[in-house]
C-alpha atoms as a PDB file:
ATOM      1  CA  MET A   1     -43.819 -16.208  22.407  1.00  0.00           C
ATOM      2  CA  ARG A   2     -41.641 -13.862  24.377  1.00  0.00           C
ATOM      3  CA  ARG A   3     -38.146 -15.190  25.184  1.00  0.00           C
ATOM      4  CA  TYR A   4     -35.953 -14.518  28.171  1.00  0.00           C
ATOM      5  CA  PHE A   5     -32.439 -13.883  28.203  1.00  0.00           C
ATOM      6  CA  ARG A   6     -30.379 -15.317  31.175  1.00  0.00           C
ATOM      7  CA  MET A   7     -27.921 -13.590  32.437  1.00  0.00           C
ATOM      8  CA  SER A   8     -25.152 -15.509  31.492  1.00  0.00           C
ATOM      9  CA  GLU A   9     -26.231 -15.214  27.836  1.00  0.00           C
ATOM     10  CA  ILE A  10     -26.449 -11.492  28.093  1.00  0.00           C
ATOM     11  CA  ASN A  11     -22.408 -11.388  29.413  1.00  0.00           C
ATOM     12  CA  GLU A  12     -21.211 -13.711  26.805  1.00  0.00           C
ATOM     13  CA  ARG A  13     -22.508 -11.585  24.281  1.00  0.00           C
ATOM     14  CA  LEU A  14     -21.344  -8.391  26.182  1.00  0.00           C
ATOM     15  CA  LEU A  15     -18.236  -9.653  26.363  1.00  0.00           C
ATOM     16  CA  ASN A  16     -18.272 -10.871  22.650  1.00  0.00           C
ATOM     17  CA  ASP A  17     -18.850  -7.462  21.693  1.00  0.00           C
ATOM     18  CA  LEU A  18     -15.965  -5.924  23.569  1.00  0.00           C
ATOM     19  CA  VAL A  19     -14.153  -8.377  22.117  1.00  0.00           C
ATOM     20  CA  VAL A  20     -14.725  -7.781  18.748  1.00  0.00           C
ATOM     21  CA  ALA A  21     -14.436  -3.630  19.405  1.00  0.00           C
ATOM     22  CA  VAL A  22     -10.987  -4.269  20.856  1.00  0.00           C
ATOM     23  CA  LYS A  23     -10.341  -5.728  18.673  1.00  0.00           C
ATOM     24  CA  GLU A  24     -11.069  -3.232  16.021  1.00  0.00           C
ATOM     25  CA  ILE A  25      -9.388  -0.749  18.167  1.00  0.00           C
ATOM     26  CA  VAL A  26      -6.042  -2.374  18.211  1.00  0.00           C
ATOM     27  CA  LYS A  27      -5.913  -2.898  14.247  1.00  0.00           C
ATOM     28  CA  LYS A  28      -6.797   0.635  13.860  1.00  0.00           C
ATOM     29  CA  GLU A  29      -4.115   1.817  15.715  1.00  0.00           C
ATOM     30  CA  ARG A  30      -1.539  -0.647  14.527  1.00  0.00           C
ATOM     31  CA  SER A  31      -2.075   0.447  10.702  1.00  0.00           C
ATOM     32  CA  GLU A  32      -2.185   4.242  11.861  1.00  0.00           C
ATOM     33  CA  ARG A  33       1.224   3.292  13.576  1.00  0.00           C
ATOM     34  CA  LEU A  34       3.291   0.445  11.640  1.00  0.00           C
ATOM     35  CA  ARG A  35       3.077   2.297   8.159  1.00  0.00           C
ATOM     36  CA  ASP A  36       6.355   1.378   8.159  1.00  0.00           C
ATOM     37  CA  ILE A  37       8.284  -0.732   5.278  1.00  0.00           C
ATOM     38  CA  TYR A  38      11.772  -2.546   5.397  1.00  0.00           C
ATOM     39  CA  LEU A  39      13.739  -2.870   2.114  1.00  0.00           C
ATOM     40  CA  ILE A  40      17.030  -4.638   3.684  1.00  0.00           C
ATOM     41  CA  GLY A  41      19.639  -6.908   1.842  1.00  0.00           C
ATOM     42  CA  ASP A  42      19.680  -7.313  -1.564  1.00  0.00           C
ATOM     43  CA  ILE A  43      17.316  -6.208  -4.155  1.00  0.00           C
ATOM     44  CA  GLU A  44      15.531  -9.329  -5.946  1.00  0.00           C
ATOM     45  CA  LYS A  45      12.560 -10.881  -7.078  1.00  0.00           C
ATOM     46  CA  ASP A  46      11.376 -11.710  -3.756  1.00  0.00           C
ATOM     47  CA  THR A  47      12.300  -8.495  -1.960  1.00  0.00           C
ATOM     48  CA  ALA A  48      10.713  -6.530  -4.768  1.00  0.00           C
ATOM     49  CA  ARG A  49       7.572  -8.170  -4.141  1.00  0.00           C
ATOM     50  CA  ALA A  50       7.356  -8.067  -0.525  1.00  0.00           C
ATOM     51  CA  VAL A  51       7.962  -3.960  -0.720  1.00  0.00           C
ATOM     52  CA  ILE A  52       5.506  -3.477  -3.289  1.00  0.00           C
ATOM     53  CA  GLU A  53       2.977  -5.728  -1.850  1.00  0.00           C
ATOM     54  CA  ARG A  54       3.253  -4.048   1.202  1.00  0.00           C
ATOM     55  CA  LEU A  55       2.988  -0.675  -0.668  1.00  0.00           C
ATOM     56  CA  ARG A  56      -0.300  -1.391  -2.021  1.00  0.00           C
ATOM     57  CA  GLU A  57      -1.735  -3.004   1.409  1.00  0.00           C
ATOM     58  CA  LEU A  58      -1.254   0.587   3.171  1.00  0.00           C
ATOM     59  CA  ALA A  59      -2.137   2.468   0.192  1.00  0.00           C
ATOM     60  CA  ASN A  60      -5.646   0.871   0.140  1.00  0.00           C
ATOM     61  CA  GLU A  61      -5.880   0.935   4.345  1.00  0.00           C
ATOM     62  CA  SER A  62      -5.342   4.530   3.918  1.00  0.00           C
ATOM     63  CA  ARG A  63      -4.120   8.053   2.470  1.00  0.00           C
ATOM     64  CA  LYS A  64      -1.629   8.663   5.364  1.00  0.00           C
ATOM     65  CA  PRO A  65       1.889   8.853   5.042  1.00  0.00           C
ATOM     66  CA  ILE A  66       4.684   5.534   4.297  1.00  0.00           C
ATOM     67  CA  THR A  67       8.050   5.314   5.272  1.00  0.00           C
ATOM     68  CA  LEU A  68      10.217   2.932   3.669  1.00  0.00           C
ATOM     69  CA  TYR A  69      13.801   2.240   5.441  1.00  0.00           C
ATOM     70  CA  ILE A  70      16.591   1.211   3.173  1.00  0.00           C
ATOM     71  CA  ASN A  71      19.845  -0.699   4.827  1.00  0.00           C
ATOM     72  CA  SER A  72      20.583  -2.488   0.417  1.00  0.00           C
ATOM     73  CA  ALA A  73      24.197  -3.136  -1.482  1.00  0.00           C
ATOM     74  CA  GLY A  74      21.826  -3.330  -4.166  1.00  0.00           C
ATOM     75  CA  GLY A  75      20.712  -5.708  -6.954  1.00  0.00           C
ATOM     76  CA  ASN A  76      18.723  -6.372 -10.047  1.00  0.00           C
ATOM     77  CA  VAL A  77      17.852  -3.123 -11.896  1.00  0.00           C
ATOM     78  CA  THR A  78      14.627  -4.368 -12.959  1.00  0.00           C
ATOM     79  CA  ASP A  79      13.300  -5.229  -9.301  1.00  0.00           C
ATOM     80  CA  GLY A  80      14.942  -2.030  -8.105  1.00  0.00           C
ATOM     81  CA  LEU A  81      12.897   0.019 -11.366  1.00  0.00           C
ATOM     82  CA  ALA A  82       9.699  -1.909 -10.047  1.00  0.00           C
ATOM     83  CA  ILE A  83      10.220  -0.709  -6.269  1.00  0.00           C
ATOM     84  CA  HIS A  84      10.957   2.522  -7.594  1.00  0.00           C
ATOM     85  CA  ASP A  85       7.799   3.044 -10.471  1.00  0.00           C
ATOM     86  CA  ALA A  86       5.322   1.660  -7.226  1.00  0.00           C
ATOM     87  CA  ILE A  87       6.560   4.158  -4.941  1.00  0.00           C
ATOM     88  CA  ARG A  88       6.337   7.109  -7.469  1.00  0.00           C
ATOM     89  CA  HIS A  89       2.447   5.436  -8.704  1.00  0.00           C
ATOM     90  CA  LEU A  90       1.969   6.207  -5.101  1.00  0.00           C
ATOM     91  CA  VAL A  91       3.339   9.671  -4.777  1.00  0.00           C
ATOM     92  CA  SER A  92       1.730  10.886  -8.251  1.00  0.00           C
ATOM     93  CA  GLN A  93      -1.530   9.967  -6.323  1.00  0.00           C
ATOM     94  CA  GLY A  94      -0.654  12.367  -3.682  1.00  0.00           C
ATOM     95  CA  MET A  95       0.490   9.755  -1.005  1.00  0.00           C
ATOM     96  CA  ASP A  96       3.404  10.967   0.902  1.00  0.00           C
ATOM     97  CA  VAL A  97       6.301   8.532   1.011  1.00  0.00           C
ATOM     98  CA  THR A  98       9.478   9.226   3.085  1.00  0.00           C
ATOM     99  CA  ILE A  99      12.561   7.214   2.615  1.00  0.00           C
ATOM    100  CA  VAL A 100      15.268   6.581   5.228  1.00  0.00           C
ATOM    101  CA  VAL A 101      18.926   5.470   4.589  1.00  0.00           C
ATOM    102  CA  GLN A 102      19.950   3.434   7.892  1.00  0.00           C
ATOM    103  CA  GLY A 103      23.058   1.909   6.795  1.00  0.00           C
ATOM    104  CA  MET A 104      23.825   1.898   2.905  1.00  0.00           C
ATOM    105  CA  ALA A 105      21.655   2.761  -0.593  1.00  0.00           C
ATOM    106  CA  TYR A 106      24.040   1.798  -3.081  1.00  0.00           C
ATOM    107  CA  SER A 107      23.486   1.134  -6.639  1.00  0.00           C
ATOM    108  CA  MET A 108      20.175   0.219  -7.059  1.00  0.00           C
ATOM    109  CA  GLY A 109      19.356   1.319  -3.708  1.00  0.00           C
ATOM    110  CA  SER A 110      20.559   4.677  -4.398  1.00  0.00           C
ATOM    111  CA  VAL A 111      17.573   4.996  -7.400  1.00  0.00           C
ATOM    112  CA  VAL A 112      15.102   3.645  -5.303  1.00  0.00           C
ATOM    113  CA  LEU A 113      15.938   6.432  -2.777  1.00  0.00           C
ATOM    114  CA  GLN A 114      15.067   8.815  -5.259  1.00  0.00           C
ATOM    115  CA  ALA A 115      11.541   7.716  -5.743  1.00  0.00           C
ATOM    116  CA  ALA A 116      10.688   9.406  -2.320  1.00  0.00           C
ATOM    117  CA  SER A 117       8.241  12.319  -2.286  1.00  0.00           C
ATOM    118  CA  ALA A 118      10.012  15.472  -2.378  1.00  0.00           C
ATOM    119  CA  GLY A 119      11.462  16.572   0.506  1.00  0.00           C
ATOM    120  CA  ARG A 120      11.116  13.683   2.225  1.00  0.00           C
ATOM    121  CA  ARG A 121      14.332  11.438   1.070  1.00  0.00           C
ATOM    122  CA  VAL A 122      16.385  11.381   4.431  1.00  0.00           C
ATOM    123  CA  THR A 123      19.503   9.442   5.893  1.00  0.00           C
ATOM    124  CA  PHE A 124      21.213   9.223   9.192  1.00  0.00           C
ATOM    125  CA  PRO A 125      24.468  10.647   9.656  1.00  0.00           C
ATOM    126  CA  HIS A 126      26.505   7.726   9.134  1.00  0.00           C
ATOM    127  CA  SER A 127      24.754   6.132   6.253  1.00  0.00           C
ATOM    128  CA  TRP A 128      26.439   6.191   3.121  1.00  0.00           C
ATOM    129  CA  ILE A 129      25.312   6.274  -0.525  1.00  0.00           C
ATOM    130  CA  MET A 130      27.151   5.087  -4.020  1.00  0.00           C
ATOM    131  CA  ILE A 131      25.947   5.366  -7.760  1.00  0.00           C
ATOM    132  CA  HIS A 132      28.195   3.726 -10.204  1.00  0.00           C
ATOM    133  CA  GLU A 133      27.632   3.228 -14.161  1.00  0.00           C
ATOM    134  CA  PRO A 134      24.222   1.674 -15.361  1.00  0.00           C
ATOM    135  CA  ALA A 135      26.340  -1.564 -16.806  1.00  0.00           C
ATOM    136  CA  LYS A 136      27.759  -3.175 -13.553  1.00  0.00           C
ATOM    137  CA  TRP A 137      23.632  -3.135 -11.977  1.00  0.00           C
ATOM    138  CA  ALA A 138      22.326  -5.057 -14.628  1.00  0.00           C
ATOM    139  CA  GLY A 139      22.936  -8.476 -13.525  1.00  0.00           C
ATOM    140  CA  TRP A 140      24.571 -10.130 -15.978  1.00  0.00           C
ATOM    141  CA  GLN A 141      27.390 -12.224 -15.368  1.00  0.00           C
ATOM    142  CA  SER A 142      30.126 -11.576 -17.735  1.00  0.00           C
ATOM    143  CA  THR A 143      30.569  -8.535 -20.522  1.00  0.00           C
ATOM    144  CA  THR A 144      29.781 -10.937 -23.353  1.00  0.00           C
ATOM    145  CA  ALA A 145      26.276 -11.514 -21.720  1.00  0.00           C
ATOM    146  CA  ALA A 146      25.893  -8.055 -21.614  1.00  0.00           C
ATOM    147  CA  ALA A 147      27.150  -7.032 -25.458  1.00  0.00           C
ATOM    148  CA  HIS A 148      24.380  -9.610 -26.374  1.00  0.00           C
ATOM    149  CA  HIS A 149      21.487  -7.458 -24.328  1.00  0.00           C
ATOM    150  CA  LEU A 150      22.902  -3.857 -25.656  1.00  0.00           C
ATOM    151  CA  ASP A 151      19.931  -2.258 -26.961  1.00  0.00           C
ATOM    152  CA  ARG A 152      18.501  -3.142 -23.574  1.00  0.00           C
ATOM    153  CA  LEU A 153      21.425  -1.677 -21.343  1.00  0.00           C
ATOM    154  CA  LYS A 154      21.367   1.351 -23.298  1.00  0.00           C
ATOM    155  CA  GLN A 155      17.803   2.177 -22.431  1.00  0.00           C
ATOM    156  CA  MET A 156      18.304   1.425 -18.719  1.00  0.00           C
ATOM    157  CA  GLN A 157      21.406   4.041 -18.578  1.00  0.00           C
ATOM    158  CA  THR A 158      19.663   6.052 -20.094  1.00  0.00           C
ATOM    159  CA  GLN A 159      16.334   5.553 -17.480  1.00  0.00           C
ATOM    160  CA  ILE A 160      18.365   5.331 -14.667  1.00  0.00           C
ATOM    161  CA  TYR A 161      21.222   8.235 -15.234  1.00  0.00           C
ATOM    162  CA  ARG A 162      17.750  10.230 -15.656  1.00  0.00           C
ATOM    163  CA  ILE A 163      16.271   9.590 -12.421  1.00  0.00           C
ATOM    164  CA  LEU A 164      19.131  10.405 -10.820  1.00  0.00           C
ATOM    165  CA  ALA A 165      19.775  13.486 -12.979  1.00  0.00           C
ATOM    166  CA  GLU A 166      16.308  14.912 -12.213  1.00  0.00           C
ATOM    167  CA  ARG A 167      15.729  14.294  -8.677  1.00  0.00           C
ATOM    168  CA  SER A 168      19.682  15.623  -7.966  1.00  0.00           C
ATOM    169  CA  GLY A 169      19.392  18.825 -10.312  1.00  0.00           C
ATOM    170  CA  LYS A 170      22.949  17.599 -11.571  1.00  0.00           C
ATOM    171  CA  SER A 171      23.204  17.289 -15.881  1.00  0.00           C
ATOM    172  CA  LEU A 172      23.233  14.094 -17.433  1.00  0.00           C
ATOM    173  CA  ARG A 173      26.966  15.185 -18.407  1.00  0.00           C
ATOM    174  CA  GLN A 174      28.136  15.353 -14.685  1.00  0.00           C
ATOM    175  CA  ILE A 175      26.166  11.946 -13.457  1.00  0.00           C
ATOM    176  CA  ILE A 176      27.829  10.200 -16.290  1.00  0.00           C
ATOM    177  CA  ARG A 177      31.188  11.656 -15.799  1.00  0.00           C
ATOM    178  CA  ASP A 178      30.812  11.297 -12.011  1.00  0.00           C
ATOM    179  CA  THR A 179      29.655   7.576 -12.539  1.00  0.00           C
ATOM    180  CA  LYS A 180      31.784   6.371 -15.932  1.00  0.00           C
ATOM    181  CA  ARG A 181      33.778   3.230 -14.800  1.00  0.00           C
ATOM    182  CA  THR A 182      33.881   3.542 -11.205  1.00  0.00           C
ATOM    183  CA  ASP A 183      31.863   3.342  -7.550  1.00  0.00           C
ATOM    184  CA  PHE A 184      31.088   7.408  -6.701  1.00  0.00           C
ATOM    185  CA  TYR A 185      30.605   7.049  -2.966  1.00  0.00           C
ATOM    186  CA  LEU A 186      29.362   9.943  -0.535  1.00  0.00           C
ATOM    187  CA  ASP A 187      28.746  10.271   2.924  1.00  0.00           C
ATOM    188  CA  ALA A 188      25.287  11.683   4.340  1.00  0.00           C
ATOM    189  CA  GLN A 189      26.729  15.574   3.753  1.00  0.00           C
ATOM    190  CA  LYS A 190      28.005  15.246   0.414  1.00  0.00           C
ATOM    191  CA  ALA A 191      25.140  13.124  -0.183  1.00  0.00           C
ATOM    192  CA  ARG A 192      23.204  16.507   0.491  1.00  0.00           C
ATOM    193  CA  GLU A 193      25.377  18.729  -1.174  1.00  0.00           C
ATOM    194  CA  TYR A 194      24.899  16.352  -4.297  1.00  0.00           C
ATOM    195  CA  GLY A 195      21.614  16.468  -4.162  1.00  0.00           C
ATOM    196  CA  LEU A 196      21.017  12.597  -3.812  1.00  0.00           C
ATOM    197  CA  ILE A 197      19.101  13.530  -0.341  1.00  0.00           C
ATOM    198  CA  ASP A 198      16.775  16.024   1.284  1.00  0.00           C
ATOM    199  CA  VAL A 199      17.361  15.625   5.365  1.00  0.00           C
ATOM    200  CA  ILE A 200      20.266  14.250   7.499  1.00  0.00           C
ATOM    201  CA  LEU A 201      18.788  12.920  10.649  1.00  0.00           C
ATOM    202  CA  GLY A 202      20.561  14.229  13.733  1.00  0.00           C
ATOM    203  CA  PRO A 203      23.801  16.869  13.865  1.00  0.00           C
ATOM    204  CA  VAL A 204      25.989  16.100  11.050  1.00  0.00           C
ATOM    205  CA  GLN A 205      29.088  18.408  12.254  1.00  0.00           C
ATOM    206  CA  SER A 206      28.850  17.094  16.071  1.00  0.00           C
ATOM    207  CA  VAL A 207      28.991  12.882  14.700  1.00  0.00           C
ATOM    208  CA  ILE A 208      31.488  13.560  11.337  1.00  0.00           C
ATOM    209  CA  PRO A 209      33.620  16.715  12.363  1.00  0.00           C
ATOM    210  CA  THR A 210      36.331  18.045   9.765  1.00  0.00           C
ATOM    211  CA  ALA A 211      39.345  16.408   9.838  1.00  0.00           C
ATOM    212  CA  THR A 212      42.972  17.876   9.268  1.00  0.00           C
ATOM    213  CA  GLU A 213      46.321  16.090   7.664  1.00  0.00           C
ATOM    214  CA  THR A 214      47.687  16.129  10.676  1.00  0.00           C
ATOM    215  CA  ASP A 215      44.732  14.068  12.161  1.00  0.00           C
ATOM    216  CA  VAL A 216      44.896  11.673   9.378  1.00  0.00           C
ATOM    217  CA  ASP A 217      48.101  11.342   9.613  1.00  0.00           C
ATOM    218  CA  ALA A 218      47.707  10.576  13.251  1.00  0.00           C
ATOM    219  CA  CYS A 219      44.856   8.048  12.742  1.00  0.00           C
ATOM    220  CA  GLY A 220      47.377   6.292  10.633  1.00  0.00           C
ATOM    221  CA  ASP A 221      50.003   6.085  13.511  1.00  0.00           C
ATOM    222  CA  SER A 222      47.695   4.978  15.536  1.00  0.00           C
ATOM    223  CA  LEU A 223      46.164   1.986  13.456  1.00  0.00           C
ATOM    224  CA  GLU A 224      49.782   0.874  12.559  1.00  0.00           C
ATOM    225  CA  SER A 225      50.660   0.938  16.284  1.00  0.00           C
ATOM    226  CA  ALA A 226      47.729  -1.469  16.966  1.00  0.00           C
ATOM    227  CA  LEU A 227      48.692  -3.664  14.511  1.00  0.00           C
ATOM    228  CA  VAL A 228      52.074  -4.124  15.295  1.00  0.00           C
ATOM    229  CA  SER A 229      50.687  -4.782  18.624  1.00  0.00           C
ATOM    230  CA  ASN A 230      48.270  -7.395  17.998  1.00  0.00           C
ATOM    231  CA  PHE A 231      49.770  -8.736  14.684  1.00  0.00           C
ATOM    232  CA  PRO A 232      53.588  -8.827  15.200  1.00  0.00           C
ATOM    233  CA  HIS A 233      53.908 -11.605  13.022  1.00  0.00           C
ATOM    234  CA  LEU A 234      52.385  -9.876  10.309  1.00  0.00           C
ATOM    235  CA  ALA A 235      54.449  -7.141  11.005  1.00  0.00           C
ATOM    236  CA  ALA A 236      57.767  -8.976  10.481  1.00  0.00           C
ATOM    237  CA  ALA A 237      56.852 -10.434   7.355  1.00  0.00           C
ATOM    238  CA  GLU A 238      56.331  -6.732   5.896  1.00  0.00           C
ATOM    239  CA  ARG A 239      59.545  -5.479   7.221  1.00  0.00           C
ATOM    240  CA  SER A 240      61.138  -8.634   5.958  1.00  0.00           C
ATOM    241  CA  ALA A 241      59.667  -7.982   2.426  1.00  0.00           C
ATOM    242  CA  THR A 242      60.297  -4.552   2.566  1.00  0.00           C
ATOM    243  CA  SER A 243      64.336  -5.028   3.316  1.00  0.00           C
ATOM    244  CA  SER A 244      64.016  -7.765   0.420  1.00  0.00           C
ATOM    245  CA  ALA A 245      62.894  -5.285  -2.374  1.00  0.00           C
ATOM    246  CA  LYS A 246      65.857  -2.826  -1.354  1.00  0.00           C
END
């Protein structure tokens, strides 16, 4: 028996097919455009899980490059290493992963940064990198607690020092010396010279000019004048304290 379709049925079917086709196109364009991941704030189990899950999703969608934006003061060692290893796994499979510092990559954030593909550790001109002794990153709240995990702490230190040394080109001895009991801060230019990043986005020299001693002194004088003008009671208290000390 021959079935006849009404024009309304045909139009409805065409409309449905059109909606499905448009959704597929939008989904494809969105997946190609939004292959960005954001690591903002402390590195802990929830942020690590979110970043790793997103990495896997994007890797399963296609082999196109992925970009991770980071603005973090650091966090837990094992969670940071988990992110680092997840990225390195994708890189080992031939995927390009760019990591962009937008603000800061301190402590474990600087270690995650080293997971990027060769030549793809990127920073903005006013971003900062900081590395320090791995003992400070372990997440233990006291030296007593750390003492109970001394062997594990030594292993973590070795892992992190090797990551920093291999990617920066510096010797283990120098990495240890520069981070021993201190926070080693580097601006974008210094971080590139040290080997912790590859590329600075934007003209560095135009936004970070070299300051002379006169410039620094003038800046200090201007700051002191501004403090006196805006906080006269603090200035008076300081003068009083200075006079008493004399």
